[in-house]
Amino acid sequence: MNRHVMRYLIIVLALMFVVSSVYAQQTKPSDKQAQADYADAQKAESAGNYDEAVKLYGQVIDTEPDFWPAYYKRGEAYASLQNYESAVKDYSHVIDVVPDYAQAYAARAVAYEQLYDHEQALADSNKAIELNTNDDFVYFNRGMAYLGLKEYEKSIADFTYWIDLNPKMYAMSYFYRSRAYYAVSNLKGVIADLDVFIELQPKSAAVLADRAFVQRLLGNYDEAIADYTQAIDLKPDDLDQMYYNRGQLYGLQGQYDKMLADLREYAKLAGSNADTTVLDLLHNHPQ
């Protein structure tokens, strides 16, 4: 699972946890055609047809521009389409109309974070918490904002709060907290979190490689080799690098035959991009 996919899944989870106010859920437009369009838009959104939902919510807004829940729902649909700029605009309209609506701040915070606007994401997350949002996901999102702002201890605190509420439910919580732990040199914390991530997502070669890297830093070469071996079995796009890294570890252990075997695989896969030092080594140690 690459980092872009991980960030997109944040939106998916955020929309699962967003709980609109009773008013936003139950109210409906006064115009009959707008009512029909709003109902159809909600059905389209539930079915994952977000383009259609955006269009239908837009029709509701054109007919009844004072009906703010349509802006909120269209913002959700835009976020699902990864059109975060438009989502921000719609959530901002809702906030202008209903400035004490905590969920609008929480939702806009997620969109800002996806745009890497950590300052705005932090400000909106804090406002949502101040207004007593019933959306616990805001703590995860604030943790992401703190991580982006390099306020690692605060990031760890928010991720931990979220994880305590939702243990082992969301693998990425552990992944991102592991990054904060790494930033404060808590390598054992990194390993503990990556252990849980891999338990939940065992086919993530990239995270197996991350754990192998930290195991190497800790001097746990056997564990690092095991992780690279598991990653190699998954045949990731950067398979050449996996062989290269495992080969280095075999060399550090004095297992030179295994080192050379891995470096040969690396050179074969890397082709013209292979490291010249490795090519020289293999030239001097032919099979």
C-alpha atoms as a PDB file:
ATOM      1  CA  MET A   1       0.000   0.000   0.000  1.00  0.00           C
ATOM      2  CA  ASN A   2       1.671   3.245  -1.097  1.00  0.00           C
ATOM      3  CA  ARG A   3       1.546   6.501   0.814  1.00  0.00           C
ATOM      4  CA  HIS A   4      -0.896   8.154  -1.646  1.00  0.00           C
ATOM      5  CA  VAL A   5      -3.387   5.335  -1.163  1.00  0.00           C
ATOM      6  CA  MET A   6      -2.978   5.634   2.593  1.00  0.00           C
ATOM      7  CA  ARG A   7      -3.846   9.319   2.517  1.00  0.00           C
ATOM      8  CA  TYR A   8      -6.879   8.684   0.293  1.00  0.00           C
ATOM      9  CA  LEU A   9      -8.138   6.048   2.740  1.00  0.00           C
ATOM     10  CA  ILE A  10      -8.095   8.734   5.427  1.00  0.00           C
ATOM     11  CA  ILE A  11     -10.956  10.420   3.542  1.00  0.00           C
ATOM     12  CA  VAL A  12     -12.852   7.128   3.304  1.00  0.00           C
ATOM     13  CA  LEU A  13     -12.558   6.575   7.029  1.00  0.00           C
ATOM     14  CA  ALA A  14     -13.333  10.205   7.847  1.00  0.00           C
ATOM     15  CA  LEU A  15     -16.599  10.024   5.931  1.00  0.00           C
ATOM     16  CA  MET A  16     -17.465   6.812   7.781  1.00  0.00           C
ATOM     17  CA  PHE A  17     -17.047   8.611  11.109  1.00  0.00           C
ATOM     18  CA  VAL A  18     -18.679  11.900  10.216  1.00  0.00           C
ATOM     19  CA  VAL A  19     -21.994  12.130  12.030  1.00  0.00           C
ATOM     20  CA  SER A  20     -24.144  14.973  10.833  1.00  0.00           C
ATOM     21  CA  SER A  21     -26.357  16.838  13.258  1.00  0.00           C
ATOM     22  CA  VAL A  22     -29.936  15.654  13.692  1.00  0.00           C
ATOM     23  CA  TYR A  23     -31.085  18.764  11.863  1.00  0.00           C
ATOM     24  CA  ALA A  24     -28.786  18.136   8.909  1.00  0.00           C
ATOM     25  CA  GLN A  25     -29.990  14.532   8.679  1.00  0.00           C
ATOM     26  CA  GLN A  26     -33.698  15.127   9.034  1.00  0.00           C
ATOM     27  CA  THR A  27     -34.339  18.479   7.391  1.00  0.00           C
ATOM     28  CA  LYS A  28     -35.182  18.695   3.716  1.00  0.00           C
ATOM     29  CA  PRO A  29     -35.715  21.442   1.140  1.00  0.00           C
ATOM     30  CA  SER A  30     -39.106  23.099   0.949  1.00  0.00           C
ATOM     31  CA  ASP A  31     -39.342  22.937  -2.859  1.00  0.00           C
ATOM     32  CA  LYS A  32     -40.723  19.592  -4.097  1.00  0.00           C
ATOM     33  CA  GLN A  33     -38.288  19.246  -7.000  1.00  0.00           C
ATOM     34  CA  ALA A  34     -35.415  20.114  -4.693  1.00  0.00           C
ATOM     35  CA  GLN A  35     -36.674  17.462  -2.278  1.00  0.00           C
ATOM     36  CA  ALA A  36     -36.603  14.861  -5.062  1.00  0.00           C
ATOM     37  CA  ASP A  37     -33.119  15.940  -6.200  1.00  0.00           C
ATOM     38  CA  TYR A  38     -31.836  15.864  -2.609  1.00  0.00           C
ATOM     39  CA  ALA A  39     -33.150  12.345  -2.062  1.00  0.00           C
ATOM     40  CA  ASP A  40     -31.642  11.183  -5.361  1.00  0.00           C
ATOM     41  CA  ALA A  41     -28.331  12.849  -4.475  1.00  0.00           C
ATOM     42  CA  GLN A  42     -28.174  11.022  -1.165  1.00  0.00           C
ATOM     43  CA  LYS A  43     -28.895   7.713  -2.921  1.00  0.00           C
ATOM     44  CA  ALA A  44     -26.182   8.421  -5.488  1.00  0.00           C
ATOM     45  CA  GLU A  45     -23.679   9.289  -2.758  1.00  0.00           C
ATOM     46  CA  SER A  46     -24.524   6.122  -0.809  1.00  0.00           C
ATOM     47  CA  ALA A  47     -23.988   4.100  -3.994  1.00  0.00           C
ATOM     48  CA  GLY A  48     -20.563   5.676  -4.550  1.00  0.00           C
ATOM     49  CA  ASN A  49     -21.716   7.662  -7.593  1.00  0.00           C
ATOM     50  CA  TYR A  50     -20.105  10.873  -6.398  1.00  0.00           C
ATOM     51  CA  ASP A  51     -20.142  12.754  -9.703  1.00  0.00           C
ATOM     52  CA  GLU A  52     -23.897  12.293  -9.931  1.00  0.00           C
ATOM     53  CA  ALA A  53     -24.265  13.288  -6.286  1.00  0.00           C
ATOM     54  CA  VAL A  54     -22.313  16.517  -6.874  1.00  0.00           C
ATOM     55  CA  LYS A  55     -24.542  17.341  -9.835  1.00  0.00           C
ATOM     56  CA  LEU A  56     -27.778  16.664  -7.943  1.00  0.00           C
ATOM     57  CA  TYR A  57     -26.709  18.554  -4.820  1.00  0.00           C
ATOM     58  CA  GLY A  58     -25.840  21.417  -7.153  1.00  0.00           C
ATOM     59  CA  GLN A  59     -29.351  21.345  -8.562  1.00  0.00           C
ATOM     60  CA  VAL A  60     -30.747  21.546  -5.049  1.00  0.00           C
ATOM     61  CA  ILE A  61     -28.517  24.544  -4.338  1.00  0.00           C
ATOM     62  CA  ASP A  62     -29.580  26.237  -7.583  1.00  0.00           C
ATOM     63  CA  THR A  63     -33.239  25.785  -6.651  1.00  0.00           C
ATOM     64  CA  GLU A  64     -32.908  26.538  -2.957  1.00  0.00           C
ATOM     65  CA  PRO A  65     -29.607  28.344  -2.249  1.00  0.00           C
ATOM     66  CA  ASP A  66     -30.427  28.894   1.434  1.00  0.00           C
ATOM     67  CA  PHE A  67     -30.593  25.144   2.105  1.00  0.00           C
ATOM     68  CA  TRP A  68     -27.141  24.737   3.668  1.00  0.00           C
ATOM     69  CA  PRO A  69     -27.224  20.935   4.225  1.00  0.00           C
ATOM     70  CA  ALA A  70     -26.894  20.531   0.445  1.00  0.00           C
ATOM     71  CA  TYR A  71     -23.564  22.383   0.600  1.00  0.00           C
ATOM     72  CA  TYR A  72     -22.397  20.128   3.410  1.00  0.00           C
ATOM     73  CA  LYS A  73     -23.389  16.963   1.556  1.00  0.00           C
ATOM     74  CA  ARG A  74     -21.861  18.216  -1.689  1.00  0.00           C
ATOM     75  CA  GLY A  75     -18.662  18.867   0.260  1.00  0.00           C
ATOM     76  CA  GLU A  76     -18.667  15.210   1.310  1.00  0.00           C
ATOM     77  CA  ALA A  77     -19.114  14.111  -2.300  1.00  0.00           C
ATOM     78  CA  TYR A  78     -16.307  16.418  -3.470  1.00  0.00           C
ATOM     79  CA  ALA A  79     -14.032  14.993  -0.760  1.00  0.00           C
ATOM     80  CA  SER A  80     -14.814  11.473  -1.956  1.00  0.00           C
ATOM     81  CA  LEU A  81     -13.752  12.586  -5.447  1.00  0.00           C
ATOM     82  CA  GLN A  82     -10.518  13.969  -3.932  1.00  0.00           C
ATOM     83  CA  ASN A  83     -11.578  17.457  -5.050  1.00  0.00           C
ATOM     84  CA  TYR A  84     -10.567  18.955  -1.748  1.00  0.00           C
ATOM     85  CA  GLU A  85     -10.506  22.599  -2.855  1.00  0.00           C
ATOM     86  CA  SER A  86     -14.202  22.414  -3.763  1.00  0.00           C
ATOM     87  CA  ALA A  87     -14.953  20.541  -0.557  1.00  0.00           C
ATOM     88  CA  VAL A  88     -13.308  23.341   1.442  1.00  0.00           C
ATOM     89  CA  LYS A  89     -15.439  25.944  -0.346  1.00  0.00           C
ATOM     90  CA  ASP A  90     -18.669  24.093   0.425  1.00  0.00           C
ATOM     91  CA  TYR A  91     -17.755  23.451   4.061  1.00  0.00           C
ATOM     92  CA  SER A  92     -16.753  27.109   4.404  1.00  0.00           C
ATOM     93  CA  HIS A  93     -20.179  28.173   3.151  1.00  0.00           C
ATOM     94  CA  VAL A  94     -21.794  25.987   5.807  1.00  0.00           C
ATOM     95  CA  ILE A  95     -19.577  27.528   8.499  1.00  0.00           C
ATOM     96  CA  ASP A  96     -20.526  31.028   7.344  1.00  0.00           C
ATOM     97  CA  VAL A  97     -24.203  30.146   7.695  1.00  0.00           C
ATOM     98  CA  VAL A  98     -24.005  27.912  10.776  1.00  0.00           C
ATOM     99  CA  PRO A  99     -20.837  28.996  12.616  1.00  0.00           C
ATOM    100  CA  ASP A 100     -21.376  26.641  15.568  1.00  0.00           C
ATOM    101  CA  TYR A 101     -21.752  23.476  13.442  1.00  0.00           C
ATOM    102  CA  ALA A 102     -18.851  21.385  14.750  1.00  0.00           C
ATOM    103  CA  GLN A 103     -19.028  18.767  12.011  1.00  0.00           C
ATOM    104  CA  ALA A 104     -18.373  21.345   9.303  1.00  0.00           C
ATOM    105  CA  TYR A 105     -15.107  22.290  11.014  1.00  0.00           C
ATOM    106  CA  ALA A 106     -14.182  18.622  11.452  1.00  0.00           C
ATOM    107  CA  ALA A 107     -14.904  17.860   7.800  1.00  0.00           C
ATOM    108  CA  ARG A 108     -13.078  20.950   6.544  1.00  0.00           C
ATOM    109  CA  ALA A 109     -10.098  20.011   8.729  1.00  0.00           C
ATOM    110  CA  VAL A 110      -9.847  16.677   6.910  1.00  0.00           C
ATOM    111  CA  ALA A 111      -9.984  18.399   3.515  1.00  0.00           C
ATOM    112  CA  TYR A 112      -7.315  20.914   4.567  1.00  0.00           C
ATOM    113  CA  GLU A 113      -5.081  18.107   5.786  1.00  0.00           C
ATOM    114  CA  GLN A 114      -5.434  16.319   2.461  1.00  0.00           C
ATOM    115  CA  LEU A 115      -4.249  19.575   0.870  1.00  0.00           C
ATOM    116  CA  TYR A 116      -1.249  19.536   3.268  1.00  0.00           C
ATOM    117  CA  ASP A 117      -2.480  22.792   4.809  1.00  0.00           C
ATOM    118  CA  HIS A 118      -1.558  21.658   8.298  1.00  0.00           C
ATOM    119  CA  GLU A 119      -2.113  25.042   9.978  1.00  0.00           C
ATOM    120  CA  GLN A 120      -5.703  25.316   8.768  1.00  0.00           C
ATOM    121  CA  ALA A 121      -6.348  21.652   9.526  1.00  0.00           C
ATOM    122  CA  LEU A 122      -5.124  22.218  13.079  1.00  0.00           C
ATOM    123  CA  ALA A 123      -7.230  25.349  13.543  1.00  0.00           C
ATOM    124  CA  ASP A 124     -10.407  23.629  12.316  1.00  0.00           C
ATOM    125  CA  SER A 125      -9.740  20.495  14.371  1.00  0.00           C
ATOM    126  CA  ASN A 126      -9.320  22.612  17.496  1.00  0.00           C
ATOM    127  CA  LYS A 127     -12.542  24.476  16.736  1.00  0.00           C
ATOM    128  CA  ALA A 128     -14.451  21.226  16.230  1.00  0.00           C
ATOM    129  CA  ILE A 129     -13.166  19.923  19.567  1.00  0.00           C
ATOM    130  CA  GLU A 130     -14.036  23.239  21.253  1.00  0.00           C
ATOM    131  CA  LEU A 131     -17.591  22.893  19.933  1.00  0.00           C
ATOM    132  CA  ASN A 132     -17.775  19.358  21.366  1.00  0.00           C
ATOM    133  CA  THR A 133     -17.946  17.456  18.106  1.00  0.00           C
ATOM    134  CA  ASN A 134     -19.178  13.883  18.414  1.00  0.00           C
ATOM    135  CA  ASP A 135     -16.686  12.886  15.687  1.00  0.00           C
ATOM    136  CA  ASP A 136     -13.726  11.182  17.392  1.00  0.00           C
ATOM    137  CA  PHE A 137     -11.890  11.062  14.060  1.00  0.00           C
ATOM    138  CA  VAL A 138     -11.023  14.732  14.551  1.00  0.00           C
ATOM    139  CA  TYR A 139      -8.299  13.593  16.978  1.00  0.00           C
ATOM    140  CA  PHE A 140      -6.709  11.407  14.328  1.00  0.00           C
ATOM    141  CA  ASN A 141      -6.839  14.249  11.831  1.00  0.00           C
ATOM    142  CA  ARG A 142      -5.353  16.683  14.348  1.00  0.00           C
ATOM    143  CA  GLY A 143      -2.617  14.130  14.944  1.00  0.00           C
ATOM    144  CA  MET A 144      -1.913  14.237  11.205  1.00  0.00           C
ATOM    145  CA  ALA A 145      -1.757  18.028  11.298  1.00  0.00           C
ATOM    146  CA  TYR A 146       0.648  17.983  14.248  1.00  0.00           C
ATOM    147  CA  LEU A 147       2.758  15.406  12.406  1.00  0.00           C
ATOM    148  CA  GLY A 148       2.940  17.681   9.373  1.00  0.00           C
ATOM    149  CA  LEU A 149       3.887  20.602  11.622  1.00  0.00           C
ATOM    150  CA  LYS A 150       6.618  18.484  13.297  1.00  0.00           C
ATOM    151  CA  GLU A 151       4.952  18.757  16.699  1.00  0.00           C
ATOM    152  CA  TYR A 152       5.598  15.096  17.281  1.00  0.00           C
ATOM    153  CA  GLU A 153       4.713  14.694  20.951  1.00  0.00           C
ATOM    154  CA  LYS A 154       1.320  16.315  20.385  1.00  0.00           C
ATOM    155  CA  SER A 155       0.859  14.111  17.330  1.00  0.00           C
ATOM    156  CA  ILE A 156       1.610  10.990  19.370  1.00  0.00           C
ATOM    157  CA  ALA A 157      -0.857  12.107  22.062  1.00  0.00           C
ATOM    158  CA  ASP A 158      -3.694  12.544  19.556  1.00  0.00           C
ATOM    159  CA  PHE A 159      -2.987   9.291  17.713  1.00  0.00           C
ATOM    160  CA  THR A 160      -2.860   7.493  21.072  1.00  0.00           C
ATOM    161  CA  TYR A 161      -6.190   9.018  22.131  1.00  0.00           C
ATOM    162  CA  TRP A 162      -7.770   7.853  18.866  1.00  0.00           C
ATOM    163  CA  ILE A 163      -6.192   4.377  19.071  1.00  0.00           C
ATOM    164  CA  ASP A 164      -7.377   3.931  22.665  1.00  0.00           C
ATOM    165  CA  LEU A 165     -10.926   4.642  21.479  1.00  0.00           C
ATOM    166  CA  ASN A 166     -10.592   2.417  18.399  1.00  0.00           C
ATOM    167  CA  PRO A 167      -7.932  -0.244  19.098  1.00  0.00           C
ATOM    168  CA  LYS A 168      -6.753  -2.241  16.082  1.00  0.00           C
ATOM    169  CA  MET A 169      -9.582  -0.865  13.960  1.00  0.00           C
ATOM    170  CA  TYR A 170      -7.577   1.387  11.675  1.00  0.00           C
ATOM    171  CA  ALA A 171      -4.115   0.216  10.613  1.00  0.00           C
ATOM    172  CA  MET A 172      -2.990   3.641   9.432  1.00  0.00           C
ATOM    173  CA  SER A 173      -3.330   5.031  12.959  1.00  0.00           C
ATOM    174  CA  TYR A 174      -0.419   2.828  13.957  1.00  0.00           C
ATOM    175  CA  PHE A 175       1.536   3.627  10.808  1.00  0.00           C
ATOM    176  CA  TYR A 176       1.367   7.386  11.290  1.00  0.00           C
ATOM    177  CA  ARG A 177       2.045   7.168  15.015  1.00  0.00           C
ATOM    178  CA  SER A 178       5.121   5.088  14.146  1.00  0.00           C
ATOM    179  CA  ARG A 179       6.360   7.997  12.033  1.00  0.00           C
ATOM    180  CA  ALA A 180       6.000  10.340  14.980  1.00  0.00           C
ATOM    181  CA  TYR A 181       7.779   7.844  17.224  1.00  0.00           C
ATOM    182  CA  TYR A 182      10.603   7.635  14.687  1.00  0.00           C
ATOM    183  CA  ALA A 183      10.927  11.419  14.675  1.00  0.00           C
ATOM    184  CA  VAL A 184      11.500  11.396  18.460  1.00  0.00           C
ATOM    185  CA  SER A 185      13.889   8.404  18.217  1.00  0.00           C
ATOM    186  CA  ASN A 186      11.536   5.988  19.960  1.00  0.00           C
ATOM    187  CA  LEU A 187      12.507   3.028  17.784  1.00  0.00           C
ATOM    188  CA  LYS A 188      10.866   0.441  20.030  1.00  0.00           C
ATOM    189  CA  GLY A 189       7.631   2.410  19.730  1.00  0.00           C
ATOM    190  CA  VAL A 190       8.044   2.326  15.952  1.00  0.00           C
ATOM    191  CA  ILE A 191       8.449  -1.446  15.946  1.00  0.00           C
ATOM    192  CA  ALA A 192       5.454  -1.955  18.252  1.00  0.00           C
ATOM    193  CA  ASP A 193       3.195   0.123  16.000  1.00  0.00           C
ATOM    194  CA  LEU A 194       4.438  -1.457  12.775  1.00  0.00           C
ATOM    195  CA  ASP A 195       3.864  -4.877  14.332  1.00  0.00           C
ATOM    196  CA  VAL A 196       0.186  -4.002  14.752  1.00  0.00           C
ATOM    197  CA  PHE A 197      -0.042  -2.464  11.268  1.00  0.00           C
ATOM    198  CA  ILE A 198       1.409  -5.620   9.697  1.00  0.00           C
ATOM    199  CA  GLU A 199      -0.913  -7.795  11.781  1.00  0.00           C
ATOM    200  CA  LEU A 200      -3.819  -5.856  10.269  1.00  0.00           C
ATOM    201  CA  GLN A 201      -2.319  -5.396   6.781  1.00  0.00           C
ATOM    202  CA  PRO A 202       0.086  -8.330   6.270  1.00  0.00           C
ATOM    203  CA  LYS A 203       0.554  -7.755   2.546  1.00  0.00           C
ATOM    204  CA  SER A 204       2.083  -4.289   2.744  1.00  0.00           C
ATOM    205  CA  ALA A 205       5.612  -4.754   1.389  1.00  0.00           C
ATOM    206  CA  ALA A 206       6.458  -1.088   1.964  1.00  0.00           C
ATOM    207  CA  VAL A 207       5.672  -1.284   5.679  1.00  0.00           C
ATOM    208  CA  LEU A 208       7.531  -4.584   6.009  1.00  0.00           C
ATOM    209  CA  ALA A 209      10.517  -2.768   4.515  1.00  0.00           C
ATOM    210  CA  ASP A 210      10.021   0.103   6.955  1.00  0.00           C
ATOM    211  CA  ARG A 211      10.098  -2.330   9.868  1.00  0.00           C
ATOM    212  CA  ALA A 212      13.150  -4.070   8.426  1.00  0.00           C
ATOM    213  CA  PHE A 213      14.933  -0.712   8.235  1.00  0.00           C
ATOM    214  CA  VAL A 214      14.243   0.017  11.909  1.00  0.00           C
ATOM    215  CA  GLN A 215      15.177  -3.525  12.932  1.00  0.00           C
ATOM    216  CA  ARG A 216      18.515  -2.959  11.209  1.00  0.00           C
ATOM    217  CA  LEU A 217      19.016   0.264  13.170  1.00  0.00           C
ATOM    218  CA  LEU A 218      18.367  -1.707  16.358  1.00  0.00           C
ATOM    219  CA  GLY A 219      20.913  -4.349  15.297  1.00  0.00           C
ATOM    220  CA  ASN A 220      18.223  -7.005  14.859  1.00  0.00           C
ATOM    221  CA  TYR A 221      19.579  -8.357  11.568  1.00  0.00           C
ATOM    222  CA  ASP A 222      17.727 -11.685  11.613  1.00  0.00           C
ATOM    223  CA  GLU A 223      14.387  -9.899  12.107  1.00  0.00           C
ATOM    224  CA  ALA A 224      15.235  -7.409   9.359  1.00  0.00           C
ATOM    225  CA  ILE A 225      16.133 -10.225   6.944  1.00  0.00           C
ATOM    226  CA  ALA A 226      12.860 -11.989   7.760  1.00  0.00           C
ATOM    227  CA  ASP A 227      10.909  -8.815   6.953  1.00  0.00           C
ATOM    228  CA  TYR A 228      12.708  -8.285   3.650  1.00  0.00           C
ATOM    229  CA  THR A 229      12.113 -11.935   2.772  1.00  0.00           C
ATOM    230  CA  GLN A 230       8.407 -11.547   3.436  1.00  0.00           C
ATOM    231  CA  ALA A 231       8.373  -8.339   1.379  1.00  0.00           C
ATOM    232  CA  ILE A 232      10.206 -10.047  -1.509  1.00  0.00           C
ATOM    233  CA  ASP A 233       7.594 -12.803  -1.555  1.00  0.00           C
ATOM    234  CA  LEU A 234       4.980 -10.097  -2.210  1.00  0.00           C
ATOM    235  CA  LYS A 235       6.877  -8.975  -5.355  1.00  0.00           C
ATOM    236  CA  PRO A 236       6.539  -5.193  -4.882  1.00  0.00           C
ATOM    237  CA  ASP A 237       7.424  -2.627  -7.537  1.00  0.00           C
ATOM    238  CA  ASP A 238      10.749  -1.925  -5.814  1.00  0.00           C
ATOM    239  CA  LEU A 239      11.717  -5.597  -5.666  1.00  0.00           C
ATOM    240  CA  ASP A 240      15.266  -4.759  -6.740  1.00  0.00           C
ATOM    241  CA  GLN A 241      15.751  -2.572  -3.664  1.00  0.00           C
ATOM    242  CA  MET A 242      14.439  -5.307  -1.396  1.00  0.00           C
ATOM    243  CA  TYR A 243      17.098  -7.708  -2.689  1.00  0.00           C
ATOM    244  CA  TYR A 244      19.749  -4.998  -2.357  1.00  0.00           C
ATOM    245  CA  ASN A 245      18.828  -4.269   1.258  1.00  0.00           C
ATOM    246  CA  ARG A 246      18.649  -7.925   2.237  1.00  0.00           C
ATOM    247  CA  GLY A 247      21.957  -8.549   0.513  1.00  0.00           C
ATOM    248  CA  GLN A 248      23.565  -5.818   2.609  1.00  0.00           C
ATOM    249  CA  LEU A 249      22.295  -7.491   5.779  1.00  0.00           C
ATOM    250  CA  TYR A 250      23.647 -10.864   4.718  1.00  0.00           C
ATOM    251  CA  GLY A 251      26.994  -9.154   4.184  1.00  0.00           C
ATOM    252  CA  LEU A 252      26.900  -7.649   7.660  1.00  0.00           C
ATOM    253  CA  GLN A 253      26.332 -11.157   9.024  1.00  0.00           C
ATOM    254  CA  GLY A 254      29.216 -12.592   7.012  1.00  0.00           C
ATOM    255  CA  GLN A 255      26.886 -14.693   4.847  1.00  0.00           C
ATOM    256  CA  TYR A 256      28.666 -13.725   1.653  1.00  0.00           C
ATOM    257  CA  ASP A 257      27.210 -16.363  -0.644  1.00  0.00           C
ATOM    258  CA  LYS A 258      23.694 -15.209   0.211  1.00  0.00           C
ATOM    259  CA  MET A 259      24.814 -11.593  -0.115  1.00  0.00           C
ATOM    260  CA  LEU A 260      26.147 -12.189  -3.621  1.00  0.00           C
ATOM    261  CA  ALA A 261      23.013 -14.117  -4.622  1.00  0.00           C
ATOM    262  CA  ASP A 262      20.797 -11.210  -3.551  1.00  0.00           C
ATOM    263  CA  LEU A 263      23.011  -8.631  -5.233  1.00  0.00           C
ATOM    264  CA  ARG A 264      22.839 -10.636  -8.474  1.00  0.00           C
ATOM    265  CA  GLU A 265      19.050 -10.526  -8.283  1.00  0.00           C
ATOM    266  CA  TYR A 266      19.248  -6.804  -7.580  1.00  0.00           C
ATOM    267  CA  ALA A 267      21.509  -6.185 -10.572  1.00  0.00           C
ATOM    268  CA  LYS A 268      19.291  -8.247 -12.876  1.00  0.00           C
ATOM    269  CA  LEU A 269      16.161  -6.373 -11.829  1.00  0.00           C
ATOM    270  CA  ALA A 270      17.746  -2.896 -11.738  1.00  0.00           C
ATOM    271  CA  GLY A 271      19.343  -3.269 -15.162  1.00  0.00           C
ATOM    272  CA  SER A 272      21.017  -0.071 -16.337  1.00  0.00           C
ATOM    273  CA  ASN A 273      20.079   1.600 -13.034  1.00  0.00           C
ATOM    274  CA  ALA A 274      22.149  -0.814 -10.968  1.00  0.00           C
ATOM    275  CA  ASP A 275      24.757   0.648  -8.647  1.00  0.00           C
ATOM    276  CA  THR A 276      28.178   0.519 -10.302  1.00  0.00           C
ATOM    277  CA  THR A 277      29.842  -0.492  -7.035  1.00  0.00           C
ATOM    278  CA  VAL A 278      27.632  -3.551  -6.895  1.00  0.00           C
ATOM    279  CA  LEU A 279      28.362  -4.357 -10.545  1.00  0.00           C
ATOM    280  CA  ASP A 280      32.101  -4.137  -9.870  1.00  0.00           C
ATOM    281  CA  LEU A 281      31.736  -6.435  -6.872  1.00  0.00           C
ATOM    282  CA  LEU A 282      29.796  -8.997  -8.901  1.00  0.00           C
ATOM    283  CA  HIS A 283      32.341  -8.754 -11.737  1.00  0.00           C
ATOM    284  CA  ASN A 284      35.064  -9.706  -9.288  1.00  0.00           C
ATOM    285  CA  HIS A 285      32.985 -12.577  -7.879  1.00  0.00           C
ATOM    286  CA  PRO A 286      31.495 -14.397 -10.887  1.00  0.00           C
ATOM    287  CA  GLN A 287      29.243 -17.379 -10.354  1.00  0.00           C
END
